[in-house]
C-alpha cells in the first residue's frame, strides 16, 4: 500500500494541523515509507492517539500500527530488531502524562513542539532505564519496569 506523495513528519514551519491526519491515516494503513517512520513520527502519532483515546486504547492503536508497518516493511521482530514492547509502552506512558498536563491551548503545532522538547531525544528513555535493561530481549518482547528512575 502507498499513498500519493511522501508522508513527512510535520516540520516546525509546516502546517501540523493539516499534516497529522495524513500521517496518522498512512500509519493506520501501514503505508508510511520506512525512511519516514522516524522517532519523531512515532512520537507525533503517539501524541495523536494519546490526545484522543484513553491510554490503554492509545497503546493498542500504536502497537497494532507499528506491527502493521513492520510487516509492510518486511521487518521481523527478533531479539535485536523490530517491535519493542517496553519502548512503545514507556513512550506512550510518557506521552499520556504529557497530554494530561499540557493544556494544548495554542493548537497541535505548539503541543507537538512541547512534546518533542520534553522527550523527543532518541535516548530519552535512558534517563529511566540502563541501556542493557532497555535493549534486552525481555524488554523487547514484554514490559519491564525502569531500573534507574520511574517514568512520569
C-alpha atoms as a PDB file:
ATOM      1  CA  UNK A   1       0.000   0.000   0.000  1.00  0.00           C
ATOM      2  CA  UNK A   2       1.163   3.505  -0.646  1.00  0.00           C
ATOM      3  CA  UNK A   3      -0.250   6.950  -0.619  1.00  0.00           C
ATOM      4  CA  UNK A   4       0.280   9.720  -3.120  1.00  0.00           C
ATOM      5  CA  UNK A   5       3.459  11.596  -2.347  1.00  0.00           C
ATOM      6  CA  UNK A   6       5.796  11.165   0.601  1.00  0.00           C
ATOM      7  CA  UNK A   7       4.463  11.347   4.135  1.00  0.00           C
ATOM      8  CA  UNK A   8       6.634  13.659   6.153  1.00  0.00           C
ATOM      9  CA  UNK A   9       6.521  14.293   9.851  1.00  0.00           C
ATOM     10  CA  UNK A  10       5.480  17.908  10.171  1.00  0.00           C
ATOM     11  CA  UNK A  11       8.339  20.363  10.323  1.00  0.00           C
ATOM     12  CA  UNK A  12       8.091  23.372  12.592  1.00  0.00           C
ATOM     13  CA  UNK A  13       7.280  25.579   9.602  1.00  0.00           C
ATOM     14  CA  UNK A  14       4.710  23.152   8.118  1.00  0.00           C
ATOM     15  CA  UNK A  15       1.030  23.198   8.999  1.00  0.00           C
ATOM     16  CA  UNK A  16       0.951  20.365  11.580  1.00  0.00           C
ATOM     17  CA  UNK A  17      -2.830  20.523  11.912  1.00  0.00           C
ATOM     18  CA  UNK A  18      -3.074  19.541   8.237  1.00  0.00           C
ATOM     19  CA  UNK A  19      -0.185  17.051   8.106  1.00  0.00           C
ATOM     20  CA  UNK A  20      -1.043  14.950  11.162  1.00  0.00           C
ATOM     21  CA  UNK A  21      -4.274  13.423   9.839  1.00  0.00           C
ATOM     22  CA  UNK A  22      -2.356  12.418   6.717  1.00  0.00           C
ATOM     23  CA  UNK A  23       0.483  10.854   8.733  1.00  0.00           C
ATOM     24  CA  UNK A  24      -1.945   9.015  11.017  1.00  0.00           C
ATOM     25  CA  UNK A  25      -4.004   7.745   8.063  1.00  0.00           C
ATOM     26  CA  UNK A  26      -0.850   6.398   6.409  1.00  0.00           C
ATOM     27  CA  UNK A  27       0.203   4.845   9.730  1.00  0.00           C
ATOM     28  CA  UNK A  28      -3.144   3.115  10.118  1.00  0.00           C
ATOM     29  CA  UNK A  29      -2.923   1.789   6.558  1.00  0.00           C
ATOM     30  CA  UNK A  30       0.634   0.530   7.056  1.00  0.00           C
ATOM     31  CA  UNK A  31       1.718   2.925   4.317  1.00  0.00           C
ATOM     32  CA  UNK A  32       4.296   5.244   5.932  1.00  0.00           C
ATOM     33  CA  UNK A  33       7.534   4.728   3.975  1.00  0.00           C
ATOM     34  CA  UNK A  34      10.189   3.131   6.162  1.00  0.00           C
ATOM     35  CA  UNK A  35      12.582   6.083   5.784  1.00  0.00           C
ATOM     36  CA  UNK A  36       9.858   8.425   7.055  1.00  0.00           C
ATOM     37  CA  UNK A  37       8.895   6.315  10.049  1.00  0.00           C
ATOM     38  CA  UNK A  38      11.292   8.184  12.315  1.00  0.00           C
ATOM     39  CA  UNK A  39      11.477   8.544  16.079  1.00  0.00           C
ATOM     40  CA  UNK A  40       9.783  11.930  15.681  1.00  0.00           C
ATOM     41  CA  UNK A  41       6.970  10.397  13.628  1.00  0.00           C
ATOM     42  CA  UNK A  42       6.500   7.703  16.300  1.00  0.00           C
ATOM     43  CA  UNK A  43       6.138  10.369  18.987  1.00  0.00           C
ATOM     44  CA  UNK A  44       3.753  12.517  16.976  1.00  0.00           C
ATOM     45  CA  UNK A  45       1.475   9.585  16.154  1.00  0.00           C
ATOM     46  CA  UNK A  46       1.596   8.628  19.839  1.00  0.00           C
ATOM     47  CA  UNK A  47       0.594  12.182  20.728  1.00  0.00           C
ATOM     48  CA  UNK A  48      -2.290  11.996  18.248  1.00  0.00           C
ATOM     49  CA  UNK A  49      -3.645   8.832  19.870  1.00  0.00           C
ATOM     50  CA  UNK A  50      -2.968   9.887  23.473  1.00  0.00           C
ATOM     51  CA  UNK A  51      -4.817  13.155  22.800  1.00  0.00           C
ATOM     52  CA  UNK A  52      -7.900  11.310  21.544  1.00  0.00           C
ATOM     53  CA  UNK A  53      -8.046   7.939  23.306  1.00  0.00           C
ATOM     54  CA  UNK A  54      -7.671   6.529  26.815  1.00  0.00           C
ATOM     55  CA  UNK A  55      -4.089   5.397  27.450  1.00  0.00           C
ATOM     56  CA  UNK A  56      -4.804   1.659  27.015  1.00  0.00           C
ATOM     57  CA  UNK A  57      -6.583   2.240  23.697  1.00  0.00           C
ATOM     58  CA  UNK A  58      -3.790   4.563  22.510  1.00  0.00           C
ATOM     59  CA  UNK A  59      -1.245   1.864  23.351  1.00  0.00           C
ATOM     60  CA  UNK A  60      -3.277  -0.728  21.449  1.00  0.00           C
ATOM     61  CA  UNK A  61      -3.501   1.541  18.403  1.00  0.00           C
ATOM     62  CA  UNK A  62       0.239   2.240  18.473  1.00  0.00           C
ATOM     63  CA  UNK A  63       1.157  -1.419  18.930  1.00  0.00           C
ATOM     64  CA  UNK A  64      -1.133  -2.568  16.101  1.00  0.00           C
ATOM     65  CA  UNK A  65       0.072   0.186  13.776  1.00  0.00           C
ATOM     66  CA  UNK A  66       3.764  -0.442  14.422  1.00  0.00           C
ATOM     67  CA  UNK A  67       3.321  -4.174  13.869  1.00  0.00           C
ATOM     68  CA  UNK A  68       1.392  -3.472  10.651  1.00  0.00           C
ATOM     69  CA  UNK A  69       4.104  -1.094   9.407  1.00  0.00           C
ATOM     70  CA  UNK A  70       6.864  -3.534  10.312  1.00  0.00           C
ATOM     71  CA  UNK A  71       5.066  -6.269   8.363  1.00  0.00           C
ATOM     72  CA  UNK A  72       4.658  -3.935   5.370  1.00  0.00           C
ATOM     73  CA  UNK A  73       8.367  -3.076   5.537  1.00  0.00           C
ATOM     74  CA  UNK A  74       9.445  -6.701   5.975  1.00  0.00           C
ATOM     75  CA  UNK A  75      10.886  -6.009   9.441  1.00  0.00           C
ATOM     76  CA  UNK A  76      10.655  -9.125  11.615  1.00  0.00           C
ATOM     77  CA  UNK A  77      10.642  -8.949  15.385  1.00  0.00           C
ATOM     78  CA  UNK A  78      13.768 -10.678  16.627  1.00  0.00           C
ATOM     79  CA  UNK A  79      15.761 -10.351  19.856  1.00  0.00           C
ATOM     80  CA  UNK A  80      17.634  -7.407  18.280  1.00  0.00           C
ATOM     81  CA  UNK A  81      15.203  -5.632  15.929  1.00  0.00           C
ATOM     82  CA  UNK A  82      11.576  -4.976  15.110  1.00  0.00           C
ATOM     83  CA  UNK A  83       8.762  -4.183  17.504  1.00  0.00           C
ATOM     84  CA  UNK A  84       9.846  -3.296  21.059  1.00  0.00           C
ATOM     85  CA  UNK A  85       7.124  -3.596  23.699  1.00  0.00           C
ATOM     86  CA  UNK A  86       8.844  -1.728  26.524  1.00  0.00           C
ATOM     87  CA  UNK A  87       9.879   1.227  24.374  1.00  0.00           C
ATOM     88  CA  UNK A  88       6.374   1.516  22.927  1.00  0.00           C
ATOM     89  CA  UNK A  89       4.661   1.290  26.315  1.00  0.00           C
ATOM     90  CA  UNK A  90       7.133   3.577  28.081  1.00  0.00           C
ATOM     91  CA  UNK A  91       6.814   6.322  25.475  1.00  0.00           C
ATOM     92  CA  UNK A  92       3.025   6.012  25.459  1.00  0.00           C
ATOM     93  CA  UNK A  93       3.027   6.393  29.230  1.00  0.00           C
ATOM     94  CA  UNK A  94       5.262   9.488  28.997  1.00  0.00           C
ATOM     95  CA  UNK A  95       3.104  10.957  26.214  1.00  0.00           C
ATOM     96  CA  UNK A  96      -0.133  10.251  28.101  1.00  0.00           C
ATOM     97  CA  UNK A  97       1.226  12.074  31.183  1.00  0.00           C
ATOM     98  CA  UNK A  98       2.307  14.946  28.946  1.00  0.00           C
ATOM     99  CA  UNK A  99      -1.221  15.168  27.486  1.00  0.00           C
ATOM    100  CA  UNK A 100      -2.746  15.167  30.996  1.00  0.00           C
ATOM    101  CA  UNK A 101      -0.591  18.147  31.997  1.00  0.00           C
ATOM    102  CA  UNK A 102      -0.497  20.119  28.738  1.00  0.00           C
ATOM    103  CA  UNK A 103      -3.477  22.328  28.016  1.00  0.00           C
ATOM    104  CA  UNK A 104      -2.793  22.479  24.274  1.00  0.00           C
ATOM    105  CA  UNK A 105      -4.279  25.962  24.054  1.00  0.00           C
ATOM    106  CA  UNK A 106      -2.128  27.007  21.097  1.00  0.00           C
ATOM    107  CA  UNK A 107      -3.113  24.129  18.836  1.00  0.00           C
ATOM    108  CA  UNK A 108      -1.489  20.981  17.606  1.00  0.00           C
ATOM    109  CA  UNK A 109       1.769  22.598  16.470  1.00  0.00           C
ATOM    110  CA  UNK A 110       2.532  24.080  19.877  1.00  0.00           C
ATOM    111  CA  UNK A 111       1.631  20.866  21.652  1.00  0.00           C
ATOM    112  CA  UNK A 112       3.827  18.818  19.320  1.00  0.00           C
ATOM    113  CA  UNK A 113       6.767  21.195  19.790  1.00  0.00           C
ATOM    114  CA  UNK A 114       6.450  20.984  23.591  1.00  0.00           C
ATOM    115  CA  UNK A 115       6.289  17.186  23.489  1.00  0.00           C
ATOM    116  CA  UNK A 116       9.387  16.985  21.300  1.00  0.00           C
ATOM    117  CA  UNK A 117      11.215  19.425  23.596  1.00  0.00           C
ATOM    118  CA  UNK A 118      10.188  17.325  26.605  1.00  0.00           C
ATOM    119  CA  UNK A 119      11.020  13.817  25.390  1.00  0.00           C
ATOM    120  CA  UNK A 120      11.991  13.977  21.738  1.00  0.00           C
ATOM    121  CA  UNK A 121      15.599  12.910  22.189  1.00  0.00           C
ATOM    122  CA  UNK A 122      16.112   9.410  20.891  1.00  0.00           C
ATOM    123  CA  UNK A 123      17.848   8.356  24.121  1.00  0.00           C
ATOM    124  CA  UNK A 124      15.200   9.898  26.412  1.00  0.00           C
ATOM    125  CA  UNK A 125      14.286   6.532  27.953  1.00  0.00           C
ATOM    126  CA  UNK A 126      17.898   6.036  29.066  1.00  0.00           C
ATOM    127  CA  UNK A 127      17.120   8.551  31.815  1.00  0.00           C
ATOM    128  CA  UNK A 128      14.883   5.831  33.249  1.00  0.00           C
ATOM    129  CA  UNK A 129      16.490   2.579  32.075  1.00  0.00           C
ATOM    130  CA  UNK A 130      20.022   1.287  31.858  1.00  0.00           C
ATOM    131  CA  UNK A 131      20.918   0.533  28.246  1.00  0.00           C
ATOM    132  CA  UNK A 132      21.296  -3.202  28.988  1.00  0.00           C
ATOM    133  CA  UNK A 133      17.841  -3.456  30.534  1.00  0.00           C
ATOM    134  CA  UNK A 134      16.105  -1.428  27.826  1.00  0.00           C
ATOM    135  CA  UNK A 135      17.778  -3.291  24.969  1.00  0.00           C
ATOM    136  CA  UNK A 136      17.283  -6.754  26.490  1.00  0.00           C
ATOM    137  CA  UNK A 137      15.173  -9.428  24.807  1.00  0.00           C
ATOM    138  CA  UNK A 138      12.939  -9.395  27.867  1.00  0.00           C
ATOM    139  CA  UNK A 139      12.187  -5.700  27.276  1.00  0.00           C
ATOM    140  CA  UNK A 140      11.652  -6.176  23.547  1.00  0.00           C
ATOM    141  CA  UNK A 141       9.105  -8.965  23.970  1.00  0.00           C
ATOM    142  CA  UNK A 142       7.375  -7.767  27.145  1.00  0.00           C
ATOM    143  CA  UNK A 143       7.107  -4.917  29.621  1.00  0.00           C
ATOM    144  CA  UNK A 144       9.960  -4.264  32.041  1.00  0.00           C
ATOM    145  CA  UNK A 145       9.901  -1.554  34.680  1.00  0.00           C
ATOM    146  CA  UNK A 146      12.566   1.161  34.641  1.00  0.00           C
ATOM    147  CA  UNK A 147      15.638   0.380  36.705  1.00  0.00           C
ATOM    148  CA  UNK A 148      17.043   3.922  37.122  1.00  0.00           C
ATOM    149  CA  UNK A 149      14.022   6.059  37.954  1.00  0.00           C
ATOM    150  CA  UNK A 150      10.259   5.809  37.486  1.00  0.00           C
ATOM    151  CA  UNK A 151       8.582   7.115  34.364  1.00  0.00           C
ATOM    152  CA  UNK A 152       6.496  10.249  34.763  1.00  0.00           C
END
